[in-house]
Amino acid sequence: FSTKMYFSHARTKSYLSSILPHLTAEQN
């Protein structure tokens, strides 16, 4: 997906901090 112009720089960093644990978890 694209964030378009909805996200601030801080929100992008926070979003990635939230999604990356799902993507890197061994069980996934």
mmCIF file of all heavy atoms, coordinates in Angstrom:
data_MODEL
# 
_entry.id   MODEL 
# 
loop_
_atom_site.group_PDB 
_atom_site.id 
_atom_site.type_symbol 
_atom_site.label_atom_id 
_atom_site.label_alt_id 
_atom_site.label_comp_id 
_atom_site.label_asym_id 
_atom_site.label_entity_id 
_atom_site.label_seq_id 
_atom_site.pdbx_PDB_ins_code 
_atom_site.Cartn_x 
_atom_site.Cartn_y 
_atom_site.Cartn_z 
_atom_site.occupancy 
_atom_site.B_iso_or_equiv 
_atom_site.pdbx_formal_charge 
_atom_site.auth_seq_id 
_atom_site.auth_comp_id 
_atom_site.auth_asym_id 
_atom_site.auth_atom_id 
_atom_site.pdbx_PDB_model_num 
ATOM 1   N N   . PHE A 1 1  ? 0.833  -1.193  0.000  1.00 0.00 ? 1  PHE A N   1 
ATOM 2   C CA  . PHE A 1 1  ? 0.000  0.000   0.000  1.00 0.00 ? 1  PHE A CA  1 
ATOM 3   C C   . PHE A 1 1  ? 0.871  1.247   0.000  1.00 0.00 ? 1  PHE A C   1 
ATOM 4   O O   . PHE A 1 1  ? 2.064  1.211   0.286  1.00 0.00 ? 1  PHE A O   1 
ATOM 5   C CB  . PHE A 1 1  ? -0.934 0.023   1.207  1.00 0.00 ? 1  PHE A CB  1 
ATOM 6   C CG  . PHE A 1 1  ? -0.253 0.322   2.521  1.00 0.00 ? 1  PHE A CG  1 
ATOM 7   C CD1 . PHE A 1 1  ? -0.305 1.600   3.060  1.00 0.00 ? 1  PHE A CD1 1 
ATOM 8   C CD2 . PHE A 1 1  ? 0.442  -0.654  3.202  1.00 0.00 ? 1  PHE A CD2 1 
ATOM 9   C CE1 . PHE A 1 1  ? 0.323  1.886   4.264  1.00 0.00 ? 1  PHE A CE1 1 
ATOM 10  C CE2 . PHE A 1 1  ? 1.064  -0.384  4.408  1.00 0.00 ? 1  PHE A CE2 1 
ATOM 11  C CZ  . PHE A 1 1  ? 1.014  0.894   4.939  1.00 0.00 ? 1  PHE A CZ  1 
ATOM 12  N N   . SER A 1 2  ? 0.231  2.361   -0.347 1.00 0.00 ? 2  SER A N   1 
ATOM 13  C CA  . SER A 1 2  ? 0.859  3.681   -0.321 1.00 0.00 ? 2  SER A CA  1 
ATOM 14  C C   . SER A 1 2  ? 0.271  4.493   0.828  1.00 0.00 ? 2  SER A C   1 
ATOM 15  O O   . SER A 1 2  ? -0.941 4.443   1.078  1.00 0.00 ? 2  SER A O   1 
ATOM 16  C CB  . SER A 1 2  ? 0.610  4.403   -1.647 1.00 0.00 ? 2  SER A CB  1 
ATOM 17  O OG  . SER A 1 2  ? 0.923  5.775   -1.549 1.00 0.00 ? 2  SER A OG  1 
ATOM 18  N N   . THR A 1 3  ? 1.120  5.250   1.498  1.00 0.00 ? 3  THR A N   1 
ATOM 19  C CA  . THR A 1 3  ? 0.626  6.130   2.565  1.00 0.00 ? 3  THR A CA  1 
ATOM 20  C C   . THR A 1 3  ? 0.113  7.454   2.006  1.00 0.00 ? 3  THR A C   1 
ATOM 21  O O   . THR A 1 3  ? -0.429 8.273   2.757  1.00 0.00 ? 3  THR A O   1 
ATOM 22  C CB  . THR A 1 3  ? 1.723  6.431   3.593  1.00 0.00 ? 3  THR A CB  1 
ATOM 23  O OG1 . THR A 1 3  ? 2.753  7.211   2.984  1.00 0.00 ? 3  THR A OG1 1 
ATOM 24  C CG2 . THR A 1 3  ? 2.327  5.143   4.153  1.00 0.00 ? 3  THR A CG2 1 
ATOM 25  N N   . LYS A 1 4  ? 0.301  7.665   0.691  1.00 0.00 ? 4  LYS A N   1 
ATOM 26  C CA  . LYS A 1 4  ? -0.070 8.943   0.057  1.00 0.00 ? 4  LYS A CA  1 
ATOM 27  C C   . LYS A 1 4  ? 0.513  10.101  0.882  1.00 0.00 ? 4  LYS A C   1 
ATOM 28  O O   . LYS A 1 4  ? 1.701  10.107  1.186  1.00 0.00 ? 4  LYS A O   1 
ATOM 29  C CB  . LYS A 1 4  ? -1.580 9.045   -0.125 1.00 0.00 ? 4  LYS A CB  1 
ATOM 30  C CG  . LYS A 1 4  ? -2.144 7.924   -0.993 1.00 0.00 ? 4  LYS A CG  1 
ATOM 31  C CD  . LYS A 1 4  ? -3.561 8.196   -1.435 1.00 0.00 ? 4  LYS A CD  1 
ATOM 32  C CE  . LYS A 1 4  ? -4.047 7.056   -2.330 1.00 0.00 ? 4  LYS A CE  1 
ATOM 33  N NZ  . LYS A 1 4  ? -5.372 7.352   -2.897 1.00 0.00 ? 4  LYS A NZ  1 
ATOM 34  N N   . MET A 1 5  ? -0.316 11.083  1.286  1.00 0.00 ? 5  MET A N   1 
ATOM 35  C CA  . MET A 1 5  ? 0.177  12.172  2.130  1.00 0.00 ? 5  MET A CA  1 
ATOM 36  C C   . MET A 1 5  ? -0.552 12.150  3.479  1.00 0.00 ? 5  MET A C   1 
ATOM 37  O O   . MET A 1 5  ? -0.713 13.174  4.137  1.00 0.00 ? 5  MET A O   1 
ATOM 38  C CB  . MET A 1 5  ? -0.017 13.520  1.426  1.00 0.00 ? 5  MET A CB  1 
ATOM 39  C CG  . MET A 1 5  ? 1.023  14.570  1.812  1.00 0.00 ? 5  MET A CG  1 
ATOM 40  S SD  . MET A 1 5  ? 0.890  16.113  0.849  1.00 0.00 ? 5  MET A SD  1 
ATOM 41  C CE  . MET A 1 5  ? -0.595 16.833  1.567  1.00 0.00 ? 5  MET A CE  1 
ATOM 42  N N   . TYR A 1 6  ? -0.953 10.940  3.891  1.00 0.00 ? 6  TYR A N   1 
ATOM 43  C CA  . TYR A 1 6  ? -1.666 10.792  5.151  1.00 0.00 ? 6  TYR A CA  1 
ATOM 44  C C   . TYR A 1 6  ? -0.736 10.682  6.354  1.00 0.00 ? 6  TYR A C   1 
ATOM 45  O O   . TYR A 1 6  ? -1.099 11.083  7.456  1.00 0.00 ? 6  TYR A O   1 
ATOM 46  C CB  . TYR A 1 6  ? -2.562 9.548   5.109  1.00 0.00 ? 6  TYR A CB  1 
ATOM 47  C CG  . TYR A 1 6  ? -3.766 9.670   4.208  1.00 0.00 ? 6  TYR A CG  1 
ATOM 48  C CD1 . TYR A 1 6  ? -3.884 8.896   3.066  1.00 0.00 ? 6  TYR A CD1 1 
ATOM 49  C CD2 . TYR A 1 6  ? -4.794 10.556  4.505  1.00 0.00 ? 6  TYR A CD2 1 
ATOM 50  C CE1 . TYR A 1 6  ? -4.993 8.994   2.236  1.00 0.00 ? 6  TYR A CE1 1 
ATOM 51  C CE2 . TYR A 1 6  ? -5.907 10.667  3.695  1.00 0.00 ? 6  TYR A CE2 1 
ATOM 52  C CZ  . TYR A 1 6  ? -6.002 9.881   2.559  1.00 0.00 ? 6  TYR A CZ  1 
ATOM 53  O OH  . TYR A 1 6  ? -7.101 9.993   1.738  1.00 0.00 ? 6  TYR A OH  1 
ATOM 54  N N   . PHE A 1 7  ? 0.448  10.097  6.154  1.00 0.00 ? 7  PHE A N   1 
ATOM 55  C CA  . PHE A 1 7  ? 1.335  9.813   7.278  1.00 0.00 ? 7  PHE A CA  1 
ATOM 56  C C   . PHE A 1 7  ? 2.351  10.939  7.471  1.00 0.00 ? 7  PHE A C   1 
ATOM 57  O O   . PHE A 1 7  ? 2.914  11.453  6.498  1.00 0.00 ? 7  PHE A O   1 
ATOM 58  C CB  . PHE A 1 7  ? 2.118  8.521   7.036  1.00 0.00 ? 7  PHE A CB  1 
ATOM 59  C CG  . PHE A 1 7  ? 1.363  7.254   7.295  1.00 0.00 ? 7  PHE A CG  1 
ATOM 60  C CD1 . PHE A 1 7  ? -0.014 7.195   7.185  1.00 0.00 ? 7  PHE A CD1 1 
ATOM 61  C CD2 . PHE A 1 7  ? 2.049  6.091   7.632  1.00 0.00 ? 7  PHE A CD2 1 
ATOM 62  C CE1 . PHE A 1 7  ? -0.703 6.011   7.399  1.00 0.00 ? 7  PHE A CE1 1 
ATOM 63  C CE2 . PHE A 1 7  ? 1.378  4.905   7.856  1.00 0.00 ? 7  PHE A CE2 1 
ATOM 64  C CZ  . PHE A 1 7  ? -0.001 4.862   7.743  1.00 0.00 ? 7  PHE A CZ  1 
ATOM 65  N N   . SER A 1 8  ? 2.633  11.269  8.734  1.00 0.00 ? 8  SER A N   1 
ATOM 66  C CA  . SER A 1 8  ? 3.803  12.071  9.057  1.00 0.00 ? 8  SER A CA  1 
ATOM 67  C C   . SER A 1 8  ? 5.031  11.165  9.066  1.00 0.00 ? 8  SER A C   1 
ATOM 68  O O   . SER A 1 8  ? 4.917  9.933   9.002  1.00 0.00 ? 8  SER A O   1 
ATOM 69  C CB  . SER A 1 8  ? 3.643  12.711  10.433 1.00 0.00 ? 8  SER A CB  1 
ATOM 70  O OG  . SER A 1 8  ? 3.636  11.695  11.431 1.00 0.00 ? 8  SER A OG  1 
ATOM 71  N N   . HIS A 1 9  ? 6.210  11.772  9.134  1.00 0.00 ? 9  HIS A N   1 
ATOM 72  C CA  . HIS A 1 9  ? 7.429  10.981  9.214  1.00 0.00 ? 9  HIS A CA  1 
ATOM 73  C C   . HIS A 1 9  ? 7.402  10.101  10.467 1.00 0.00 ? 9  HIS A C   1 
ATOM 74  O O   . HIS A 1 9  ? 7.757  8.909   10.427 1.00 0.00 ? 9  HIS A O   1 
ATOM 75  C CB  . HIS A 1 9  ? 8.649  11.908  9.233  1.00 0.00 ? 9  HIS A CB  1 
ATOM 76  C CG  . HIS A 1 9  ? 9.955  11.197  9.319  1.00 0.00 ? 9  HIS A CG  1 
ATOM 77  N ND1 . HIS A 1 9  ? 10.380 10.297  8.366  1.00 0.00 ? 9  HIS A ND1 1 
ATOM 78  C CD2 . HIS A 1 9  ? 10.942 11.241  10.251 1.00 0.00 ? 9  HIS A CD2 1 
ATOM 79  C CE1 . HIS A 1 9  ? 11.570 9.829   8.701  1.00 0.00 ? 9  HIS A CE1 1 
ATOM 80  N NE2 . HIS A 1 9  ? 11.923 10.374  9.843  1.00 0.00 ? 9  HIS A NE2 1 
ATOM 81  N N   . ALA A 1 10 ? 6.962  10.679  11.575 1.00 0.00 ? 10 ALA A N   1 
ATOM 82  C CA  . ALA A 1 10 ? 6.908  9.923   12.829 1.00 0.00 ? 10 ALA A CA  1 
ATOM 83  C C   . ALA A 1 10 ? 5.920  8.765   12.734 1.00 0.00 ? 10 ALA A C   1 
ATOM 84  O O   . ALA A 1 10 ? 6.181  7.671   13.261 1.00 0.00 ? 10 ALA A O   1 
ATOM 85  C CB  . ALA A 1 10 ? 6.522  10.856  13.978 1.00 0.00 ? 10 ALA A CB  1 
ATOM 86  N N   . ARG A 1 11 ? 4.786  8.992   12.073 1.00 0.00 ? 11 ARG A N   1 
ATOM 87  C CA  . ARG A 1 11 ? 3.803  7.908   11.963 1.00 0.00 ? 11 ARG A CA  1 
ATOM 88  C C   . ARG A 1 11 ? 4.339  6.777   11.089 1.00 0.00 ? 11 ARG A C   1 
ATOM 89  O O   . ARG A 1 11 ? 4.067  5.597   11.374 1.00 0.00 ? 11 ARG A O   1 
ATOM 90  C CB  . ARG A 1 11 ? 2.488  8.437   11.390 1.00 0.00 ? 11 ARG A CB  1 
ATOM 91  C CG  . ARG A 1 11 ? 1.395  7.373   11.358 1.00 0.00 ? 11 ARG A CG  1 
ATOM 92  C CD  . ARG A 1 11 ? 0.083  7.905   10.829 1.00 0.00 ? 11 ARG A CD  1 
ATOM 93  N NE  . ARG A 1 11 ? -0.891 6.827   10.678 1.00 0.00 ? 11 ARG A NE  1 
ATOM 94  C CZ  . ARG A 1 11 ? -2.084 6.964   10.098 1.00 0.00 ? 11 ARG A CZ  1 
ATOM 95  N NH1 . ARG A 1 11 ? -2.466 8.143   9.632  1.00 0.00 ? 11 ARG A NH1 1 
ATOM 96  N NH2 . ARG A 1 11 ? -2.899 5.928   9.992  1.00 0.00 ? 11 ARG A NH2 1 
ATOM 97  N N   . THR A 1 12 ? 5.083  7.104   10.038 1.00 0.00 ? 12 THR A N   1 
ATOM 98  C CA  . THR A 1 12 ? 5.675  6.054   9.205  1.00 0.00 ? 12 THR A CA  1 
ATOM 99  C C   . THR A 1 12 ? 6.613  5.183   10.034 1.00 0.00 ? 12 THR A C   1 
ATOM 100 O O   . THR A 1 12 ? 6.576  3.948   9.953  1.00 0.00 ? 12 THR A O   1 
ATOM 101 C CB  . THR A 1 12 ? 6.436  6.669   8.020  1.00 0.00 ? 12 THR A CB  1 
ATOM 102 O OG1 . THR A 1 12 ? 5.514  7.404   7.205  1.00 0.00 ? 12 THR A OG1 1 
ATOM 103 C CG2 . THR A 1 12 ? 7.091  5.585   7.169  1.00 0.00 ? 12 THR A CG2 1 
ATOM 104 N N   . LYS A 1 13 ? 7.456  5.814   10.842 1.00 0.00 ? 13 LYS A N   1 
ATOM 105 C CA  . LYS A 1 13 ? 8.381  5.057   11.692 1.00 0.00 ? 13 LYS A CA  1 
ATOM 106 C C   . LYS A 1 13 ? 7.626  4.199   12.696 1.00 0.00 ? 13 LYS A C   1 
ATOM 107 O O   . LYS A 1 13 ? 7.964  3.038   12.928 1.00 0.00 ? 13 LYS A O   1 
ATOM 108 C CB  . LYS A 1 13 ? 9.334  6.010   12.406 1.00 0.00 ? 13 LYS A CB  1 
ATOM 109 C CG  . LYS A 1 13 ? 10.277 6.750   11.479 1.00 0.00 ? 13 LYS A CG  1 
ATOM 110 C CD  . LYS A 1 13 ? 11.160 7.735   12.225 1.00 0.00 ? 13 LYS A CD  1 
ATOM 111 C CE  . LYS A 1 13 ? 12.175 6.998   13.101 1.00 0.00 ? 13 LYS A CE  1 
ATOM 112 N NZ  . LYS A 1 13 ? 13.127 7.966   13.716 1.00 0.00 ? 13 LYS A NZ  1 
ATOM 113 N N   . SER A 1 14 ? 6.575  4.760   13.275 1.00 0.00 ? 14 SER A N   1 
ATOM 114 C CA  . SER A 1 14 ? 5.777  4.015   14.242 1.00 0.00 ? 14 SER A CA  1 
ATOM 115 C C   . SER A 1 14 ? 5.066  2.839   13.580 1.00 0.00 ? 14 SER A C   1 
ATOM 116 O O   . SER A 1 14 ? 4.994  1.732   14.152 1.00 0.00 ? 14 SER A O   1 
ATOM 117 C CB  . SER A 1 14 ? 4.748  4.952   14.890 1.00 0.00 ? 14 SER A CB  1 
ATOM 118 O OG  . SER A 1 14 ? 3.879  4.244   15.748 1.00 0.00 ? 14 SER A OG  1 
ATOM 119 N N   . TYR A 1 15 ? 4.538  3.075   12.378 1.00 0.00 ? 15 TYR A N   1 
ATOM 120 C CA  . TYR A 1 15 ? 3.854  2.009   11.644 1.00 0.00 ? 15 TYR A CA  1 
ATOM 121 C C   . TYR A 1 15 ? 4.799  0.847   11.387 1.00 0.00 ? 15 TYR A C   1 
ATOM 122 O O   . TYR A 1 15 ? 4.457  -0.319  11.621 1.00 0.00 ? 15 TYR A O   1 
ATOM 123 C CB  . TYR A 1 15 ? 3.315  2.549   10.323 1.00 0.00 ? 15 TYR A CB  1 
ATOM 124 C CG  . TYR A 1 15 ? 2.484  1.554   9.550  1.00 0.00 ? 15 TYR A CG  1 
ATOM 125 C CD1 . TYR A 1 15 ? 1.096  1.584   9.620  1.00 0.00 ? 15 TYR A CD1 1 
ATOM 126 C CD2 . TYR A 1 15 ? 3.077  0.569   8.765  1.00 0.00 ? 15 TYR A CD2 1 
ATOM 127 C CE1 . TYR A 1 15 ? 0.327  0.672   8.926  1.00 0.00 ? 15 TYR A CE1 1 
ATOM 128 C CE2 . TYR A 1 15 ? 2.318  -0.351  8.072  1.00 0.00 ? 15 TYR A CE2 1 
ATOM 129 C CZ  . TYR A 1 15 ? 0.945  -0.297  8.156  1.00 0.00 ? 15 TYR A CZ  1 
ATOM 130 O OH  . TYR A 1 15 ? 0.199  -1.237  7.465  1.00 0.00 ? 15 TYR A OH  1 
ATOM 131 N N   . LEU A 1 16 ? 5.988  1.149   10.901 1.00 0.00 ? 16 LEU A N   1 
ATOM 132 C CA  . LEU A 1 16 ? 6.956  0.089   10.609 1.00 0.00 ? 16 LEU A CA  1 
ATOM 133 C C   . LEU A 1 16 ? 7.344  -0.655  11.882 1.00 0.00 ? 16 LEU A C   1 
ATOM 134 O O   . LEU A 1 16 ? 7.524  -1.880  11.857 1.00 0.00 ? 16 LEU A O   1 
ATOM 135 C CB  . LEU A 1 16 ? 8.184  0.686   9.923  1.00 0.00 ? 16 LEU A CB  1 
ATOM 136 C CG  . LEU A 1 16 ? 7.939  1.198   8.500  1.00 0.00 ? 16 LEU A CG  1 
ATOM 137 C CD1 . LEU A 1 16 ? 9.176  1.926   7.978  1.00 0.00 ? 16 LEU A CD1 1 
ATOM 138 C CD2 . LEU A 1 16 ? 7.571  0.055   7.569  1.00 0.00 ? 16 LEU A CD2 1 
ATOM 139 N N   . SER A 1 17 ? 7.469  0.066   12.984 1.00 0.00 ? 17 SER A N   1 
ATOM 140 C CA  . SER A 1 17 ? 7.787  -0.599  14.252 1.00 0.00 ? 17 SER A CA  1 
ATOM 141 C C   . SER A 1 17 ? 6.697  -1.574  14.662 1.00 0.00 ? 17 SER A C   1 
ATOM 142 O O   . SER A 1 17 ? 6.963  -2.581  15.320 1.00 0.00 ? 17 SER A O   1 
ATOM 143 C CB  . SER A 1 17 ? 7.987  0.453   15.357 1.00 0.00 ? 17 SER A CB  1 
ATOM 144 O OG  . SER A 1 17 ? 9.113  1.253   15.093 1.00 0.00 ? 17 SER A OG  1 
ATOM 145 N N   . SER A 1 18 ? 5.452  -1.293  14.254 1.00 0.00 ? 18 SER A N   1 
ATOM 146 C CA  . SER A 1 18 ? 4.330  -2.166  14.601 1.00 0.00 ? 18 SER A CA  1 
ATOM 147 C C   . SER A 1 18 ? 4.233  -3.379  13.685 1.00 0.00 ? 18 SER A C   1 
ATOM 148 O O   . SER A 1 18 ? 3.911  -4.482  14.140 1.00 0.00 ? 18 SER A O   1 
ATOM 149 C CB  . SER A 1 18 ? 3.018  -1.375  14.534 1.00 0.00 ? 18 SER A CB  1 
ATOM 150 O OG  . SER A 1 18 ? 2.993  -0.343  15.489 1.00 0.00 ? 18 SER A OG  1 
ATOM 151 N N   . ILE A 1 19 ? 4.486  -3.198  12.371 1.00 0.00 ? 19 ILE A N   1 
ATOM 152 C CA  . ILE A 1 19 ? 4.279  -4.292  11.420 1.00 0.00 ? 19 ILE A CA  1 
ATOM 153 C C   . ILE A 1 19 ? 5.482  -5.220  11.308 1.00 0.00 ? 19 ILE A C   1 
ATOM 154 O O   . ILE A 1 19 ? 5.328  -6.421  11.067 1.00 0.00 ? 19 ILE A O   1 
ATOM 155 C CB  . ILE A 1 19 ? 3.892  -3.734  10.022 1.00 0.00 ? 19 ILE A CB  1 
ATOM 156 C CG1 . ILE A 1 19 ? 3.329  -4.837  9.129  1.00 0.00 ? 19 ILE A CG1 1 
ATOM 157 C CG2 . ILE A 1 19 ? 5.056  -3.058  9.350  1.00 0.00 ? 19 ILE A CG2 1 
ATOM 158 C CD1 . ILE A 1 19 ? 2.056  -5.480  9.594  1.00 0.00 ? 19 ILE A CD1 1 
ATOM 159 N N   . LEU A 1 20 ? 6.688  -4.695  11.490 1.00 0.00 ? 20 LEU A N   1 
ATOM 160 C CA  . LEU A 1 20 ? 7.871  -5.517  11.257 1.00 0.00 ? 20 LEU A CA  1 
ATOM 161 C C   . LEU A 1 20 ? 7.972  -6.733  12.179 1.00 0.00 ? 20 LEU A C   1 
ATOM 162 O O   . LEU A 1 20 ? 8.409  -7.802  11.729 1.00 0.00 ? 20 LEU A O   1 
ATOM 163 C CB  . LEU A 1 20 ? 9.136  -4.658  11.357 1.00 0.00 ? 20 LEU A CB  1 
ATOM 164 C CG  . LEU A 1 20 ? 9.361  -3.725  10.157 1.00 0.00 ? 20 LEU A CG  1 
ATOM 165 C CD1 . LEU A 1 20 ? 10.533 -2.783  10.429 1.00 0.00 ? 20 LEU A CD1 1 
ATOM 166 C CD2 . LEU A 1 20 ? 9.607  -4.527  8.889  1.00 0.00 ? 20 LEU A CD2 1 
ATOM 167 N N   . PRO A 1 21 ? 7.583  -6.657  13.450 1.00 0.00 ? 21 PRO A N   1 
ATOM 168 C CA  . PRO A 1 21 ? 7.634  -7.873  14.275 1.00 0.00 ? 21 PRO A CA  1 
ATOM 169 C C   . PRO A 1 21 ? 6.787  -9.014  13.719 1.00 0.00 ? 21 PRO A C   1 
ATOM 170 O O   . PRO A 1 21 ? 7.166  -10.185 13.836 1.00 0.00 ? 21 PRO A O   1 
ATOM 171 C CB  . PRO A 1 21 ? 7.113  -7.394  15.631 1.00 0.00 ? 21 PRO A CB  1 
ATOM 172 C CG  . PRO A 1 21 ? 7.462  -5.943  15.680 1.00 0.00 ? 21 PRO A CG  1 
ATOM 173 C CD  . PRO A 1 21 ? 7.270  -5.462  14.271 1.00 0.00 ? 21 PRO A CD  1 
ATOM 174 N N   . HIS A 1 22 ? 5.636  -8.698  13.108 1.00 0.00 ? 22 HIS A N   1 
ATOM 175 C CA  . HIS A 1 22 ? 4.827  -9.745  12.472 1.00 0.00 ? 22 HIS A CA  1 
ATOM 176 C C   . HIS A 1 22 ? 5.595  -10.384 11.313 1.00 0.00 ? 22 HIS A C   1 
ATOM 177 O O   . HIS A 1 22 ? 5.571  -11.606 11.131 1.00 0.00 ? 22 HIS A O   1 
ATOM 178 C CB  . HIS A 1 22 ? 3.524  -9.147  11.921 1.00 0.00 ? 22 HIS A CB  1 
ATOM 179 C CG  . HIS A 1 22 ? 2.544  -8.730  12.962 1.00 0.00 ? 22 HIS A CG  1 
ATOM 180 N ND1 . HIS A 1 22 ? 1.991  -9.607  13.863 1.00 0.00 ? 22 HIS A ND1 1 
ATOM 181 C CD2 . HIS A 1 22 ? 1.997  -7.509  13.227 1.00 0.00 ? 22 HIS A CD2 1 
ATOM 182 C CE1 . HIS A 1 22 ? 1.148  -8.964  14.651 1.00 0.00 ? 22 HIS A CE1 1 
ATOM 183 N NE2 . HIS A 1 22 ? 1.133  -7.692  14.282 1.00 0.00 ? 22 HIS A NE2 1 
ATOM 184 N N   . LEU A 1 23 ? 6.266  -9.548  10.517 1.00 0.00 ? 23 LEU A N   1 
ATOM 185 C CA  . LEU A 1 23 ? 6.903  -10.025 9.298  1.00 0.00 ? 23 LEU A CA  1 
ATOM 186 C C   . LEU A 1 23 ? 8.191  -10.797 9.566  1.00 0.00 ? 23 LEU A C   1 
ATOM 187 O O   . LEU A 1 23 ? 8.610  -11.602 8.728  1.00 0.00 ? 23 LEU A O   1 
ATOM 188 C CB  . LEU A 1 23 ? 7.201  -8.850  8.366  1.00 0.00 ? 23 LEU A CB  1 
ATOM 189 C CG  . LEU A 1 23 ? 6.009  -7.969  7.984  1.00 0.00 ? 23 LEU A CG  1 
ATOM 190 C CD1 . LEU A 1 23 ? 6.443  -6.890  7.006  1.00 0.00 ? 23 LEU A CD1 1 
ATOM 191 C CD2 . LEU A 1 23 ? 4.877  -8.796  7.398  1.00 0.00 ? 23 LEU A CD2 1 
ATOM 192 N N   . THR A 1 24 ? 8.807  -10.544 10.696 1.00 0.00 ? 24 THR A N   1 
ATOM 193 C CA  . THR A 1 24 ? 10.086 -11.191 10.993 1.00 0.00 ? 24 THR A CA  1 
ATOM 194 C C   . THR A 1 24 ? 9.969  -12.313 12.019 1.00 0.00 ? 24 THR A C   1 
ATOM 195 O O   . THR A 1 24 ? 10.957 -12.988 12.293 1.00 0.00 ? 24 THR A O   1 
ATOM 196 C CB  . THR A 1 24 ? 11.098 -10.151 11.493 1.00 0.00 ? 24 THR A CB  1 
ATOM 197 O OG1 . THR A 1 24 ? 10.577 -9.471  12.638 1.00 0.00 ? 24 THR A OG1 1 
ATOM 198 C CG2 . THR A 1 24 ? 11.405 -9.130  10.403 1.00 0.00 ? 24 THR A CG2 1 
ATOM 199 N N   . ALA A 1 25 ? 8.771  -12.525 12.563 1.00 0.00 ? 25 ALA A N   1 
ATOM 200 C CA  . ALA A 1 25 ? 8.589  -13.590 13.558 1.00 0.00 ? 25 ALA A CA  1 
ATOM 201 C C   . ALA A 1 25 ? 8.794  -14.955 12.918 1.00 0.00 ? 25 ALA A C   1 
ATOM 202 O O   . ALA A 1 25 ? 8.322  -15.216 11.805 1.00 0.00 ? 25 ALA A O   1 
ATOM 203 C CB  . ALA A 1 25 ? 7.193  -13.502 14.171 1.00 0.00 ? 25 ALA A CB  1 
ATOM 204 N N   . GLU A 1 26 ? 9.489  -15.833 13.614 1.00 0.00 ? 26 GLU A N   1 
ATOM 205 C CA  . GLU A 1 26 ? 9.815  -17.147 13.055 1.00 0.00 ? 26 GLU A CA  1 
ATOM 206 C C   . GLU A 1 26 ? 8.567  -17.939 12.696 1.00 0.00 ? 26 GLU A C   1 
ATOM 207 O O   . GLU A 1 26 ? 8.529  -18.637 11.672 1.00 0.00 ? 26 GLU A O   1 
ATOM 208 C CB  . GLU A 1 26 ? 10.665 -17.933 14.059 1.00 0.00 ? 26 GLU A CB  1 
ATOM 209 C CG  . GLU A 1 26 ? 11.150 -19.270 13.547 1.00 0.00 ? 26 GLU A CG  1 
ATOM 210 C CD  . GLU A 1 26 ? 12.069 -19.967 14.525 1.00 0.00 ? 26 GLU A CD  1 
ATOM 211 O OE1 . GLU A 1 26 ? 12.447 -19.347 15.544 1.00 0.00 ? 26 GLU A OE1 1 
ATOM 212 O OE2 . GLU A 1 26 ? 12.399 -21.150 14.283 1.00 0.00 ? 26 GLU A OE2 1 
ATOM 213 N N   . GLN A 1 27 ? 7.511  -17.814 13.500 1.00 0.00 ? 27 GLN A N   1 
ATOM 214 C CA  . GLN A 1 27 ? 6.305  -18.600 13.240 1.00 0.00 ? 27 GLN A CA  1 
ATOM 215 C C   . GLN A 1 27 ? 5.560  -18.121 11.998 1.00 0.00 ? 27 GLN A C   1 
ATOM 216 O O   . GLN A 1 27 ? 4.695  -18.828 11.472 1.00 0.00 ? 27 GLN A O   1 
ATOM 217 C CB  . GLN A 1 27 ? 5.356  -18.568 14.447 1.00 0.00 ? 27 GLN A CB  1 
ATOM 218 C CG  . GLN A 1 27 ? 4.765  -17.214 14.780 1.00 0.00 ? 27 GLN A CG  1 
ATOM 219 C CD  . GLN A 1 27 ? 5.601  -16.457 15.790 1.00 0.00 ? 27 GLN A CD  1 
ATOM 220 O OE1 . GLN A 1 27 ? 6.811  -16.644 15.876 1.00 0.00 ? 27 GLN A OE1 1 
ATOM 221 N NE2 . GLN A 1 27 ? 4.953  -15.613 16.594 1.00 0.00 ? 27 GLN A NE2 1 
ATOM 222 N N   . ASN A 1 28 ? 5.889  -16.934 11.507 1.00 0.00 ? 28 ASN A N   1 
ATOM 223 C CA  . ASN A 1 28 ? 5.234  -16.403 10.312 1.00 0.00 ? 28 ASN A CA  1 
ATOM 224 C C   . ASN A 1 28 ? 6.090  -16.525 9.055  1.00 0.00 ? 28 ASN A C   1 
ATOM 225 O O   . ASN A 1 28 ? 5.679  -16.079 7.985  1.00 0.00 ? 28 ASN A O   1 
ATOM 226 C CB  . ASN A 1 28 ? 4.883  -14.927 10.521 1.00 0.00 ? 28 ASN A CB  1 
ATOM 227 C CG  . ASN A 1 28 ? 3.920  -14.720 11.668 1.00 0.00 ? 28 ASN A CG  1 
ATOM 228 O OD1 . ASN A 1 28 ? 3.104  -15.583 11.977 1.00 0.00 ? 28 ASN A OD1 1 
ATOM 229 N ND2 . ASN A 1 28 ? 4.024  -13.570 12.329 1.00 0.00 ? 28 ASN A ND2 1 
# 
